[in-house]
C-alpha atoms as a PDB file:
ATOM      1  CA  MET A   1     -19.057  12.131   8.730  1.00  0.00           C
ATOM      2  CA  SER A   2     -22.337  10.291   8.169  1.00  0.00           C
ATOM      3  CA  ALA A   3     -23.261   6.742   6.827  1.00  0.00           C
ATOM      4  CA  LEU A   4     -21.711   5.587   3.592  1.00  0.00           C
ATOM      5  CA  GLY A   5     -24.228   6.123   0.633  1.00  0.00           C
ATOM      6  CA  THR A   6     -23.921   4.476  -2.731  1.00  0.00           C
ATOM      7  CA  ALA A   7     -22.806   5.384  -6.415  1.00  0.00           C
ATOM      8  CA  PRO A   8     -21.521   3.728  -9.398  1.00  0.00           C
ATOM      9  CA  GLY A   9     -18.125   3.239  -9.831  1.00  0.00           C
ATOM     10  CA  GLY A  10     -15.268   1.382  -8.197  1.00  0.00           C
ATOM     11  CA  VAL A  11     -11.505   1.723  -6.873  1.00  0.00           C
ATOM     12  CA  ALA A  12      -7.831   1.337  -7.025  1.00  0.00           C
ATOM     13  CA  ALA A  13      -6.289   4.529  -7.542  1.00  0.00           C
ATOM     14  CA  ALA A  14      -3.964   5.807 -10.814  1.00  0.00           C
ATOM     15  CA  TRP A  15      -2.939   9.425 -12.088  1.00  0.00           C
ATOM     16  CA  ALA A  16      -5.420  10.602 -14.309  1.00  0.00           C
ATOM     17  CA  GLY A  17      -2.637  11.885 -16.864  1.00  0.00           C
ATOM     18  CA  PRO A  18      -0.128  10.987 -19.639  1.00  0.00           C
ATOM     19  CA  ARG A  19       2.705   8.672 -18.136  1.00  0.00           C
ATOM     20  CA  PRO A  20       5.622   6.766 -19.886  1.00  0.00           C
ATOM     21  CA  ALA A  21       4.619   3.658 -21.666  1.00  0.00           C
ATOM     22  CA  GLY A  22       6.560   0.666 -21.935  1.00  0.00           C
ATOM     23  CA  PRO A  23       8.746  -1.525 -19.662  1.00  0.00           C
ATOM     24  CA  THR A  24      11.161  -0.165 -16.619  1.00  0.00           C
ATOM     25  CA  GLY A  25      13.569   2.418 -16.874  1.00  0.00           C
ATOM     26  CA  ARG A  26      11.451   4.741 -19.127  1.00  0.00           C
ATOM     27  CA  THR A  27      11.512   8.538 -19.106  1.00  0.00           C
ATOM     28  CA  ALA A  28       8.944  11.424 -21.030  1.00  0.00           C
ATOM     29  CA  SER A  29       9.748  14.931 -20.341  1.00  0.00           C
ATOM     30  CA  ASP A  30       7.334  18.190 -21.548  1.00  0.00           C
ATOM     31  CA  ALA A  31       9.553  21.257 -21.348  1.00  0.00           C
ATOM     32  CA  ALA A  32       6.440  23.513 -21.890  1.00  0.00           C
ATOM     33  CA  ALA A  33       5.032  22.199 -18.699  1.00  0.00           C
ATOM     34  CA  GLU A  34       8.268  22.115 -17.010  1.00  0.00           C
ATOM     35  CA  ARG A  35       7.704  18.089 -15.830  1.00  0.00           C
ATOM     36  CA  THR A  36       9.262  15.169 -16.252  1.00  0.00           C
ATOM     37  CA  LEU A  37       7.822  11.509 -15.708  1.00  0.00           C
ATOM     38  CA  GLU A  38       9.750   8.596 -15.194  1.00  0.00           C
ATOM     39  CA  ARG A  39       8.692   4.548 -14.602  1.00  0.00           C
ATOM     40  CA  GLN A  40      10.696   2.024 -12.743  1.00  0.00           C
ATOM     41  CA  ALA A  41      10.120  -1.584 -11.722  1.00  0.00           C
ATOM     42  CA  LEU A  42      10.168  -1.444  -7.741  1.00  0.00           C
ATOM     43  CA  MET A  43       8.299  -3.563  -4.782  1.00  0.00           C
ATOM     44  CA  GLY A  44       6.832  -5.896  -6.914  1.00  0.00           C
ATOM     45  CA  THR A  45       4.633  -3.358  -9.067  1.00  0.00           C
ATOM     46  CA  TRP A  46       5.352  -0.417 -11.444  1.00  0.00           C
ATOM     47  CA  VAL A  47       6.491   3.090  -9.801  1.00  0.00           C
ATOM     48  CA  ASP A  48       5.352   6.160 -11.610  1.00  0.00           C
ATOM     49  CA  LEU A  49       6.987   9.437 -10.373  1.00  0.00           C
ATOM     50  CA  VAL A  50       6.232  13.020 -11.886  1.00  0.00           C
ATOM     51  CA  VAL A  51       8.381  15.600 -11.297  1.00  0.00           C
ATOM     52  CA  GLU A  52       7.524  19.685 -12.399  1.00  0.00           C
ATOM     53  CA  HIS A  53      10.331  22.429 -11.908  1.00  0.00           C
ATOM     54  CA  PRO A  54      11.889  24.888 -14.235  1.00  0.00           C
ATOM     55  CA  SER A  55      15.288  23.373 -14.097  1.00  0.00           C
ATOM     56  CA  PRO A  56      16.192  19.743 -16.061  1.00  0.00           C
ATOM     57  CA  THR A  57      19.353  19.443 -13.881  1.00  0.00           C
ATOM     58  CA  VAL A  58      17.009  19.922 -10.577  1.00  0.00           C
ATOM     59  CA  ARG A  59      14.139  17.846 -11.938  1.00  0.00           C
ATOM     60  CA  ARG A  60      17.016  14.733 -12.560  1.00  0.00           C
ATOM     61  CA  GLN A  61      18.777  15.547  -8.948  1.00  0.00           C
ATOM     62  CA  ALA A  62      14.873  14.789  -7.611  1.00  0.00           C
ATOM     63  CA  LEU A  63      14.344  11.536 -10.038  1.00  0.00           C
ATOM     64  CA  ASP A  64      17.781   9.741  -8.847  1.00  0.00           C
ATOM     65  CA  ALA A  65      17.011  10.843  -5.262  1.00  0.00           C
ATOM     66  CA  ALA A  66      13.709   9.347  -4.762  1.00  0.00           C
ATOM     67  CA  TRP A  67      14.826   6.140  -6.898  1.00  0.00           C
ATOM     68  CA  ALA A  68      17.863   5.694  -4.790  1.00  0.00           C
ATOM     69  CA  GLU A  69      15.832   6.076  -1.413  1.00  0.00           C
ATOM     70  CA  MET A  70      12.887   4.025  -2.131  1.00  0.00           C
ATOM     71  CA  LEU A  71      14.937   1.243  -3.711  1.00  0.00           C
ATOM     72  CA  ARG A  72      17.236   1.293  -0.469  1.00  0.00           C
ATOM     73  CA  LEU A  73      13.839   0.947   1.517  1.00  0.00           C
ATOM     74  CA  SER A  74      12.388  -1.662  -0.613  1.00  0.00           C
ATOM     75  CA  GLU A  75      15.344  -3.694  -0.862  1.00  0.00           C
ATOM     76  CA  MET A  76      15.571  -3.441   3.221  1.00  0.00           C
ATOM     77  CA  MET A  77      12.057  -4.718   3.884  1.00  0.00           C
ATOM     78  CA  SER A  78      11.523  -6.965   1.130  1.00  0.00           C
ATOM     79  CA  ARG A  79      10.691 -10.577   2.050  1.00  0.00           C
ATOM     80  CA  TYR A  80      11.925 -11.746  -1.388  1.00  0.00           C
ATOM     81  CA  ARG A  81      15.646 -10.553  -1.058  1.00  0.00           C
ATOM     82  CA  SER A  82      17.512 -13.215   0.901  1.00  0.00           C
ATOM     83  CA  ALA A  83      19.962 -10.185   2.009  1.00  0.00           C
ATOM     84  CA  SER A  84      16.993  -7.821   3.291  1.00  0.00           C
ATOM     85  CA  GLN A  85      16.809  -7.052   7.047  1.00  0.00           C
ATOM     86  CA  VAL A  86      13.023  -8.357   7.165  1.00  0.00           C
ATOM     87  CA  SER A  87      14.921 -12.107   5.649  1.00  0.00           C
ATOM     88  CA  ARG A  88      17.527 -12.077   8.162  1.00  0.00           C
ATOM     89  CA  LEU A  89      14.796 -11.280  11.018  1.00  0.00           C
ATOM     90  CA  ALA A  90      12.882 -14.692   9.446  1.00  0.00           C
ATOM     91  CA  ALA A  91      16.334 -16.998   9.212  1.00  0.00           C
ATOM     92  CA  GLN A  92      17.095 -15.796  13.269  1.00  0.00           C
ATOM     93  CA  ALA A  93      13.764 -16.728  14.121  1.00  0.00           C
ATOM     94  CA  GLY A  94      14.041 -18.460  17.609  1.00  0.00           C
ATOM     95  CA  GLY A  95      17.211 -17.498  17.901  1.00  0.00           C
ATOM     96  CA  ALA A  96      19.121 -13.941  19.171  1.00  0.00           C
ATOM     97  CA  ALA A  97      17.525 -10.544  18.555  1.00  0.00           C
ATOM     98  CA  GLN A  98      18.645  -8.645  15.067  1.00  0.00           C
ATOM     99  CA  PRO A  99      19.800  -5.337  14.653  1.00  0.00           C
ATOM    100  CA  VAL A 100      17.382  -3.203  12.384  1.00  0.00           C
ATOM    101  CA  ALA A 101      17.517   0.106  10.690  1.00  0.00           C
ATOM    102  CA  PRO A 102      15.363   3.019  12.326  1.00  0.00           C
ATOM    103  CA  GLU A 103      13.049   3.183   8.666  1.00  0.00           C
ATOM    104  CA  LEU A 104      12.070  -0.571   9.786  1.00  0.00           C
ATOM    105  CA  MET A 105      11.665  -0.304  13.206  1.00  0.00           C
ATOM    106  CA  ALA A 106       9.233   2.313  12.695  1.00  0.00           C
ATOM    107  CA  VAL A 107       7.131   0.503  10.378  1.00  0.00           C
ATOM    108  CA  LEU A 108       7.682  -2.669  12.593  1.00  0.00           C
ATOM    109  CA  ARG A 109       5.622  -0.344  15.492  1.00  0.00           C
ATOM    110  CA  GLN A 110       3.025   0.958  13.193  1.00  0.00           C
ATOM    111  CA  ALA A 111       2.270  -2.762  12.083  1.00  0.00           C
ATOM    112  CA  ARG A 112       2.239  -3.648  15.867  1.00  0.00           C
ATOM    113  CA  ARG A 113      -0.331  -0.638  16.580  1.00  0.00           C
ATOM    114  CA  LEU A 114      -2.194  -1.307  13.950  1.00  0.00           C
ATOM    115  CA  HIS A 115      -2.868  -4.975  14.879  1.00  0.00           C
ATOM    116  CA  HIS A 116      -4.367  -3.607  17.563  1.00  0.00           C
ATOM    117  CA  SER A 117      -6.637  -0.650  16.175  1.00  0.00           C
ATOM    118  CA  THR A 118      -7.975  -3.445  13.506  1.00  0.00           C
ATOM    119  CA  GLN A 119      -8.918  -6.099  15.903  1.00  0.00           C
ATOM    120  CA  GLY A 120      -6.140  -8.291  14.446  1.00  0.00           C
ATOM    121  CA  ARG A 121      -7.178  -7.839  10.675  1.00  0.00           C
ATOM    122  CA  LEU A 122      -3.700  -6.483   9.919  1.00  0.00           C
ATOM    123  CA  ASP A 123      -0.446  -8.442  11.852  1.00  0.00           C
ATOM    124  CA  PRO A 124       2.925  -8.383  10.261  1.00  0.00           C
ATOM    125  CA  THR A 125       3.667 -12.077  10.786  1.00  0.00           C
ATOM    126  CA  VAL A 126       1.365 -13.336   8.564  1.00  0.00           C
ATOM    127  CA  GLY A 127       4.472 -13.788   6.352  1.00  0.00           C
ATOM    128  CA  ALA A 128       4.044 -17.375   7.845  1.00  0.00           C
ATOM    129  CA  TYR A 129       1.470 -18.373   5.421  1.00  0.00           C
ATOM    130  CA  ALA A 130       3.975 -19.168   3.222  1.00  0.00           C
ATOM    131  CA  THR A 131       2.307 -21.865   0.923  1.00  0.00           C
ATOM    132  CA  TRP A 132      -0.247 -19.561  -0.905  1.00  0.00           C
ATOM    133  CA  ALA A 133       1.677 -17.970  -4.355  1.00  0.00           C
ATOM    134  CA  PHE A 134      -0.129 -14.794  -6.183  1.00  0.00           C
ATOM    135  CA  GLU A 135       2.715 -14.097  -8.576  1.00  0.00           C
ATOM    136  CA  PRO A 136       2.155 -13.701 -12.201  1.00  0.00           C
ATOM    137  CA  GLY A 137       2.985 -17.359 -13.659  1.00  0.00           C
ATOM    138  CA  ARG A 138       2.965 -18.799 -10.240  1.00  0.00           C
ATOM    139  CA  HIS A 139      -0.243 -19.556  -8.438  1.00  0.00           C
ATOM    140  CA  GLN A 140      -0.402 -21.833  -5.726  1.00  0.00           C
ATOM    141  CA  GLN A 141      -3.229 -22.542  -3.193  1.00  0.00           C
ATOM    142  CA  ALA A 142      -2.396 -23.331   0.402  1.00  0.00           C
ATOM    143  CA  SER A 143      -4.085 -26.715   1.702  1.00  0.00           C
ATOM    144  CA  ALA A 144      -5.975 -27.150   5.158  1.00  0.00           C
ATOM    145  CA  ALA A 145      -3.460 -28.823   6.573  1.00  0.00           C
ATOM    146  CA  ASP A 146      -0.839 -26.196   5.393  1.00  0.00           C
ATOM    147  CA  LEU A 147      -2.663 -23.742   7.365  1.00  0.00           C
ATOM    148  CA  ALA A 148      -3.138 -25.835  10.096  1.00  0.00           C
ATOM    149  CA  ARG A 149       0.643 -25.941  10.671  1.00  0.00           C
ATOM    150  CA  GLN A 150       1.373 -22.535   9.911  1.00  0.00           C
ATOM    151  CA  GLN A 151      -1.327 -20.660  11.653  1.00  0.00           C
ATOM    152  CA  PRO A 152       0.015 -20.700  15.523  1.00  0.00           C
ATOM    153  CA  LEU A 153       3.336 -19.069  13.562  1.00  0.00           C
ATOM    154  CA  VAL A 154       1.271 -16.098  12.925  1.00  0.00           C
ATOM    155  CA  ASP A 155       1.302 -14.105  16.250  1.00  0.00           C
ATOM    156  CA  VAL A 156       2.113 -10.517  16.457  1.00  0.00           C
ATOM    157  CA  SER A 157       2.909 -10.840  20.395  1.00  0.00           C
ATOM    158  CA  GLY A 158       6.315 -12.896  19.047  1.00  0.00           C
ATOM    159  CA  LEU A 159       7.456  -9.632  17.207  1.00  0.00           C
ATOM    160  CA  GLU A 160       9.752  -8.718  20.315  1.00  0.00           C
ATOM    161  CA  LEU A 161      10.923  -5.406  19.761  1.00  0.00           C
ATOM    162  CA  ASP A 162      14.151  -3.544  21.481  1.00  0.00           C
ATOM    163  CA  LEU A 163      13.386   0.275  20.734  1.00  0.00           C
ATOM    164  CA  VAL A 164      16.951   1.227  23.048  1.00  0.00           C
ATOM    165  CA  ARG A 165      18.876  -1.264  21.295  1.00  0.00           C
ATOM    166  CA  GLY A 166      17.678  -1.224  17.987  1.00  0.00           C
ATOM    167  CA  THR A 167      16.835  -4.544  17.867  1.00  0.00           C
ATOM    168  CA  ALA A 168      14.029  -6.972  16.703  1.00  0.00           C
ATOM    169  CA  ARG A 169      13.572 -10.818  17.276  1.00  0.00           C
ATOM    170  CA  LEU A 170      10.987 -13.397  16.087  1.00  0.00           C
ATOM    171  CA  ARG A 171      10.494 -15.302  18.755  1.00  0.00           C
ATOM    172  CA  GLN A 172       9.185 -18.960  17.048  1.00  0.00           C
ATOM    173  CA  PRO A 173      11.565 -20.647  14.313  1.00  0.00           C
ATOM    174  CA  GLY A 174       9.330 -20.546  11.138  1.00  0.00           C
ATOM    175  CA  MET A 175       7.910 -16.848  12.089  1.00  0.00           C
ATOM    176  CA  ARG A 176       7.992 -14.383   8.890  1.00  0.00           C
ATOM    177  CA  LEU A 177       7.093 -10.913   8.415  1.00  0.00           C
ATOM    178  CA  ASP A 178       4.977  -9.739   5.617  1.00  0.00           C
ATOM    179  CA  LEU A 179       5.478  -6.180   5.341  1.00  0.00           C
ATOM    180  CA  GLY A 180       3.246  -5.677   1.951  1.00  0.00           C
ATOM    181  CA  GLY A 181       0.000  -4.003   3.596  1.00  0.00           C
ATOM    182  CA  VAL A 182       2.136  -1.447   5.687  1.00  0.00           C
ATOM    183  CA  ALA A 183       5.581  -0.782   4.253  1.00  0.00           C
ATOM    184  CA  LYS A 184       4.834   0.249   0.578  1.00  0.00           C
ATOM    185  CA  LEU A 185       3.070   3.927   1.863  1.00  0.00           C
ATOM    186  CA  PRO A 186       6.131   4.580   3.826  1.00  0.00           C
ATOM    187  CA  ILE A 187       8.669   3.787   1.095  1.00  0.00           C
ATOM    188  CA  LEU A 188       6.774   5.618  -1.386  1.00  0.00           C
ATOM    189  CA  SER A 189       6.251   8.565   1.147  1.00  0.00           C
ATOM    190  CA  ALA A 190      10.075   8.556   1.526  1.00  0.00           C
ATOM    191  CA  GLY A 191      10.550   8.871  -2.303  1.00  0.00           C
ATOM    192  CA  LEU A 192       8.481  11.652  -2.448  1.00  0.00           C
ATOM    193  CA  GLN A 193      10.545  13.522   0.581  1.00  0.00           C
ATOM    194  CA  ALA A 194      13.786  12.924  -1.318  1.00  0.00           C
ATOM    195  CA  VAL A 195      11.961  14.579  -4.143  1.00  0.00           C
ATOM    196  CA  GLN A 196      11.331  17.621  -2.131  1.00  0.00           C
ATOM    197  CA  ALA A 197      14.739  17.777  -0.381  1.00  0.00           C
ATOM    198  CA  GLN A 198      15.754  18.513  -3.929  1.00  0.00           C
ATOM    199  CA  GLY A 199      13.592  21.515  -4.141  1.00  0.00           C
ATOM    200  CA  VAL A 200      10.981  20.038  -5.996  1.00  0.00           C
ATOM    201  CA  ARG A 201       7.370  21.436  -4.602  1.00  0.00           C
ATOM    202  CA  ARG A 202       5.291  19.759  -7.120  1.00  0.00           C
ATOM    203  CA  ALA A 203       5.683  16.251  -7.700  1.00  0.00           C
ATOM    204  CA  LEU A 204       3.342  12.851  -7.863  1.00  0.00           C
ATOM    205  CA  ILE A 205       3.994   9.082  -7.147  1.00  0.00           C
ATOM    206  CA  ASN A 206       2.013   6.269  -7.785  1.00  0.00           C
ATOM    207  CA  GLY A 207       3.208   2.990  -7.031  1.00  0.00           C
ATOM    208  CA  GLY A 208       0.639  -0.171  -7.880  1.00  0.00           C
ATOM    209  CA  GLY A 209      -2.527   2.263  -7.100  1.00  0.00           C
ATOM    210  CA  ASP A 210      -1.278   4.005  -3.848  1.00  0.00           C
ATOM    211  CA  VAL A 211      -0.885   7.721  -4.870  1.00  0.00           C
ATOM    212  CA  LEU A 212       1.103  10.451  -3.201  1.00  0.00           C
ATOM    213  CA  CYS A 213       1.213  14.271  -4.334  1.00  0.00           C
ATOM    214  CA  CYS A 214       2.181  17.243  -2.975  1.00  0.00           C
ATOM    215  CA  SER A 215       2.280  21.173  -5.228  1.00  0.00           C
ATOM    216  CA  ARG A 216       3.035  24.945  -4.428  1.00  0.00           C
ATOM    217  CA  PRO A 217       0.375  27.193  -2.778  1.00  0.00           C
ATOM    218  CA  GLY A 218      -1.557  28.414  -5.791  1.00  0.00           C
ATOM    219  CA  ASP A 219      -1.474  25.399  -7.851  1.00  0.00           C
ATOM    220  CA  ALA A 220      -3.982  23.291  -9.972  1.00  0.00           C
ATOM    221  CA  PRO A 221      -4.360  20.694  -7.963  1.00  0.00           C
ATOM    222  CA  TRP A 222      -3.996  16.705  -9.191  1.00  0.00           C
ATOM    223  CA  ARG A 223      -6.761  14.594 -10.595  1.00  0.00           C
ATOM    224  CA  ILE A 224      -5.983  11.035  -9.278  1.00  0.00           C
ATOM    225  CA  GLY A 225      -8.795   8.687 -11.185  1.00  0.00           C
ATOM    226  CA  LEU A 226     -10.278   5.788  -9.456  1.00  0.00           C
ATOM    227  CA  ARG A 227     -10.674   2.202 -11.040  1.00  0.00           C
ATOM    228  CA  HIS A 228     -13.573   0.039 -11.353  1.00  0.00           C
ATOM    229  CA  PRO A 229     -12.209  -3.166  -8.805  1.00  0.00           C
ATOM    230  CA  LEU A 230     -13.843  -5.863 -11.342  1.00  0.00           C
ATOM    231  CA  GLN A 231     -12.902  -3.870 -14.872  1.00  0.00           C
ATOM    232  CA  PRO A 232      -9.587  -1.974 -13.587  1.00  0.00           C
ATOM    233  CA  GLU A 233      -9.014  -1.095 -17.421  1.00  0.00           C
ATOM    234  CA  ARG A 234     -12.041   1.557 -16.653  1.00  0.00           C
ATOM    235  CA  LEU A 235     -11.509   4.522 -14.689  1.00  0.00           C
ATOM    236  CA  ALA A 236     -14.844   5.282 -12.789  1.00  0.00           C
ATOM    237  CA  GLY A 237     -14.301   8.967 -11.399  1.00  0.00           C
ATOM    238  CA  ALA A 238     -11.431  11.081 -10.313  1.00  0.00           C
ATOM    239  CA  VAL A 239     -10.799  12.707  -6.733  1.00  0.00           C
ATOM    240  CA  SER A 240      -9.183  16.249  -6.828  1.00  0.00           C
ATOM    241  CA  LEU A 241      -6.062  16.490  -4.342  1.00  0.00           C
ATOM    242  CA  ALA A 242      -3.410  19.112  -3.955  1.00  0.00           C
ATOM    243  CA  GLN A 243      -1.433  17.309  -1.342  1.00  0.00           C
ATOM    244  CA  GLY A 244      -2.080  14.029   0.224  1.00  0.00           C
ATOM    245  CA  VAL A 245      -2.809  10.508  -0.306  1.00  0.00           C
ATOM    246  CA  VAL A 246      -5.053   7.927  -2.305  1.00  0.00           C
ATOM    247  CA  ALA A 247      -4.437   4.260  -0.914  1.00  0.00           C
ATOM    248  CA  ALA A 248      -5.897   1.655  -2.775  1.00  0.00           C
ATOM    249  CA  SER A 249      -6.746  -2.127  -2.405  1.00  0.00           C
ATOM    250  CA  GLY A 250      -8.409  -5.069  -4.140  1.00  0.00           C
ATOM    251  CA  ASP A 251      -8.589  -8.233  -4.838  1.00  0.00           C
ATOM    252  CA  TYR A 252      -7.849  -7.546  -8.393  1.00  0.00           C
ATOM    253  CA  GLU A 253      -4.477  -6.936  -7.829  1.00  0.00           C
ATOM    254  CA  ARG A 254      -2.869 -10.391  -7.097  1.00  0.00           C
ATOM    255  CA  GLY A 255      -4.463 -13.471  -7.747  1.00  0.00           C
ATOM    256  CA  PHE A 256      -6.034 -16.476  -9.653  1.00  0.00           C
ATOM    257  CA  VAL A 257      -9.744 -18.280  -9.702  1.00  0.00           C
ATOM    258  CA  HIS A 258     -10.045 -21.782  -8.721  1.00  0.00           C
ATOM    259  CA  GLN A 259     -13.141 -23.680  -8.989  1.00  0.00           C
ATOM    260  CA  GLY A 260     -15.185 -19.938  -9.476  1.00  0.00           C
ATOM    261  CA  ARG A 261     -13.561 -18.380  -6.296  1.00  0.00           C
ATOM    262  CA  ARG A 262     -11.166 -15.614  -6.551  1.00  0.00           C
ATOM    263  CA  LEU A 263      -8.131 -16.276  -4.498  1.00  0.00           C
ATOM    264  CA  HIS A 264      -5.985 -13.350  -3.914  1.00  0.00           C
ATOM    265  CA  HIS A 265      -3.100 -11.535  -1.503  1.00  0.00           C
ATOM    266  CA  VAL A 266      -5.241 -10.091   0.770  1.00  0.00           C
ATOM    267  CA  LEU A 267      -5.096 -12.659   3.595  1.00  0.00           C
ATOM    268  CA  ASP A 268      -6.755 -13.235   7.151  1.00  0.00           C
ATOM    269  CA  PRO A 269      -4.167 -13.451   9.775  1.00  0.00           C
ATOM    270  CA  ARG A 270      -6.507 -15.337  11.775  1.00  0.00           C
ATOM    271  CA  THR A 271      -7.834 -17.955   9.235  1.00  0.00           C
ATOM    272  CA  GLY A 272      -5.017 -17.926   6.202  1.00  0.00           C
ATOM    273  CA  GLN A 273      -7.545 -17.599   3.873  1.00  0.00           C
ATOM    274  CA  PRO A 274      -8.019 -14.773   1.566  1.00  0.00           C
ATOM    275  CA  SER A 275     -10.593 -11.797   2.233  1.00  0.00           C
ATOM    276  CA  GLN A 276     -14.324 -12.231   1.488  1.00  0.00           C
ATOM    277  CA  GLY A 277     -15.552  -8.948   2.887  1.00  0.00           C
ATOM    278  CA  LEU A 278     -14.787  -6.156   0.001  1.00  0.00           C
ATOM    279  CA  HIS A 279     -13.722  -6.539  -3.668  1.00  0.00           C
ATOM    280  CA  GLY A 280     -11.871  -3.172  -3.384  1.00  0.00           C
ATOM    281  CA  VAL A 281     -10.720   0.078  -0.923  1.00  0.00           C
ATOM    282  CA  ALA A 282      -9.555   3.794  -1.724  1.00  0.00           C
ATOM    283  CA  LEU A 283      -9.169   5.733   0.996  1.00  0.00           C
ATOM    284  CA  VAL A 284      -8.451   9.430   0.722  1.00  0.00           C
ATOM    285  CA  ALA A 285      -6.286  11.419   3.238  1.00  0.00           C
ATOM    286  CA  GLN A 286      -3.817  14.189   4.099  1.00  0.00           C
ATOM    287  CA  THR A 287      -1.142  12.061   5.644  1.00  0.00           C
ATOM    288  CA  VAL A 288       0.017   8.136   4.888  1.00  0.00           C
ATOM    289  CA  ASP A 289      -0.197   7.441   8.988  1.00  0.00           C
ATOM    290  CA  GLN A 290      -3.933   8.167   8.984  1.00  0.00           C
ATOM    291  CA  VAL A 291      -4.398   5.446   5.817  1.00  0.00           C
ATOM    292  CA  ASN A 292      -1.267   3.098   5.963  1.00  0.00           C
ATOM    293  CA  GLY A 293      -2.343  -0.711   6.410  1.00  0.00           C
ATOM    294  CA  TRP A 294      -6.584   0.577   6.708  1.00  0.00           C
ATOM    295  CA  GLY A 295      -7.073  -0.729   3.352  1.00  0.00           C
ATOM    296  CA  PRO A 296      -6.339  -4.780   3.614  1.00  0.00           C
ATOM    297  CA  ALA A 297      -7.815  -4.862   7.146  1.00  0.00           C
ATOM    298  CA  LEU A 298     -10.993  -2.760   5.448  1.00  0.00           C
ATOM    299  CA  MET A 299     -11.434  -5.130   3.160  1.00  0.00           C
ATOM    300  CA  LEU A 300     -11.625  -8.081   5.646  1.00  0.00           C
ATOM    301  CA  ALA A 301     -13.768  -6.094   7.828  1.00  0.00           C
ATOM    302  CA  GLY A 302     -16.284  -5.659   5.384  1.00  0.00           C
ATOM    303  CA  LEU A 303     -19.114  -3.102   4.624  1.00  0.00           C
ATOM    304  CA  ALA A 304     -20.799  -2.730   8.228  1.00  0.00           C
ATOM    305  CA  THR A 305     -17.584  -2.746  10.403  1.00  0.00           C
ATOM    306  CA  GLY A 306     -16.205  -0.007   7.361  1.00  0.00           C
ATOM    307  CA  ARG A 307     -18.839   2.114   7.978  1.00  0.00           C
ATOM    308  CA  ARG A 308     -18.396   2.084  11.936  1.00  0.00           C
ATOM    309  CA  TRP A 309     -14.696   3.015  11.335  1.00  0.00           C
ATOM    310  CA  LEU A 310     -15.046   5.849   9.197  1.00  0.00           C
ATOM    311  CA  ALA A 311     -18.365   7.332  11.152  1.00  0.00           C
ATOM    312  CA  PRO A 312     -17.400  10.239  13.736  1.00  0.00           C
ATOM    313  CA  GLY A 313     -15.333   8.676  16.700  1.00  0.00           C
ATOM    314  CA  GLY A 314     -13.676   5.852  14.609  1.00  0.00           C
ATOM    315  CA  PRO A 315     -10.300   5.268  13.935  1.00  0.00           C
ATOM    316  CA  LEU A 316     -10.949   6.505   9.932  1.00  0.00           C
ATOM    317  CA  HIS A 317     -13.474   9.385  10.552  1.00  0.00           C
ATOM    318  CA  THR A 318     -10.549  11.912   9.163  1.00  0.00           C
ATOM    319  CA  VAL A 319     -10.723   9.885   6.191  1.00  0.00           C
ATOM    320  CA  GLN A 320     -12.513   9.960   2.872  1.00  0.00           C
ATOM    321  CA  ALA A 321     -13.374   6.536   1.018  1.00  0.00           C
ATOM    322  CA  LEU A 322     -14.460   4.369  -1.596  1.00  0.00           C
ATOM    323  CA  LEU A 323     -16.023   0.454  -0.219  1.00  0.00           C
ATOM    324  CA  ALA A 324     -16.928  -1.613  -3.190  1.00  0.00           C
ATOM    325  CA  ASP A 325     -19.003  -5.158  -2.427  1.00  0.00           C
ATOM    326  CA  ASP A 326     -20.971  -7.395  -4.774  1.00  0.00           C
ATOM    327  CA  THR A 327     -23.992  -4.460  -4.155  1.00  0.00           C
ATOM    328  CA  GLY A 328     -21.897  -1.718  -5.516  1.00  0.00           C
ATOM    329  CA  LEU A 329     -19.682   1.244  -4.582  1.00  0.00           C
ATOM    330  CA  HIS A 330     -20.344   2.839  -1.031  1.00  0.00           C
ATOM    331  CA  THR A 331     -18.737   6.491  -0.840  1.00  0.00           C
ATOM    332  CA  THR A 332     -18.416   8.710   2.203  1.00  0.00           C
ATOM    333  CA  PRO A 333     -20.110  12.060   1.664  1.00  0.00           C
ATOM    334  CA  GLY A 334     -17.036  14.456   1.466  1.00  0.00           C
ATOM    335  CA  LEU A 335     -15.075  12.411  -1.049  1.00  0.00           C
ATOM    336  CA  GLY A 336     -16.039  14.536  -4.100  1.00  0.00           C
ATOM    337  CA  LEU A 337     -15.946  12.105  -6.589  1.00  0.00           C
ATOM    338  CA  LEU A 338     -15.266  13.844 -10.074  1.00  0.00           C
ATOM    339  CA  PRO A 339     -17.025  12.411 -13.739  1.00  0.00           C
ATOM    340  CA  VAL A 340     -14.094  11.433 -15.860  1.00  0.00           C
END
């Protein structure tokens, strides 16, 4: 892959097709297309699930199986649920190791590997920066004193994993996990696998800008839109994908403006401050493992490092990408951005 070129447009993935409107729990079916679309609130965002199959019964079973599996995993890995395994690890930080499910262990192991691969730009212990608040209706900025107190607790070496016993431990009291940058894609992937286990071969999941899809041989590919990071209501282009993943990250997703500066949820583990590198990233690949966790890391790394990572020999050389900064949108040559 050569160095990135530049084109107008922006990022943030979305299926460029009809979807159920309105609040959680809405369902829409198209009998002629043998398709059902459903939307639920999950992981702090909207998740849209599209399944295609001749049998309405199979479609219903596939939807139910996917929602149940994604809910199970999201409740396990959420730092906002006091009963989750992630919250239990925080409550027992500095104490005894805690048993964790295999799915959580897999995410924690990948997060530790990504910390090394991204030169510290992804750290699952970033949850210690707990003063920040970016949720709708609750905005709070961390002070310099807050960050100075919390920074020593952001330390991936303090995440101790025992693969034989199936346990995890946070070494210091006050340490917390935040798996927002590394857990969502595996959870969505588990949902898609649950759909496929019911006999559905063509489906799509869009979870807050991360899209996973599969198709039968000979099917027309899915058309997945890419939104502008500064004008997310606009589609700037689309990619054609039969099977694979589009992972999007951006400073437009959750944040607020303070004294003319946009403060957002992608925090630099090394400083506790929001990233100032890229405004948005969209990564296109065949598998979740190729892109999981790299979007936030690229936002922190900036354009020059991003180009190196995407170049031949780099850790993302098999990935196609859009990188949006103040100068515009930079694309890899093989992206194949389509008009909308």
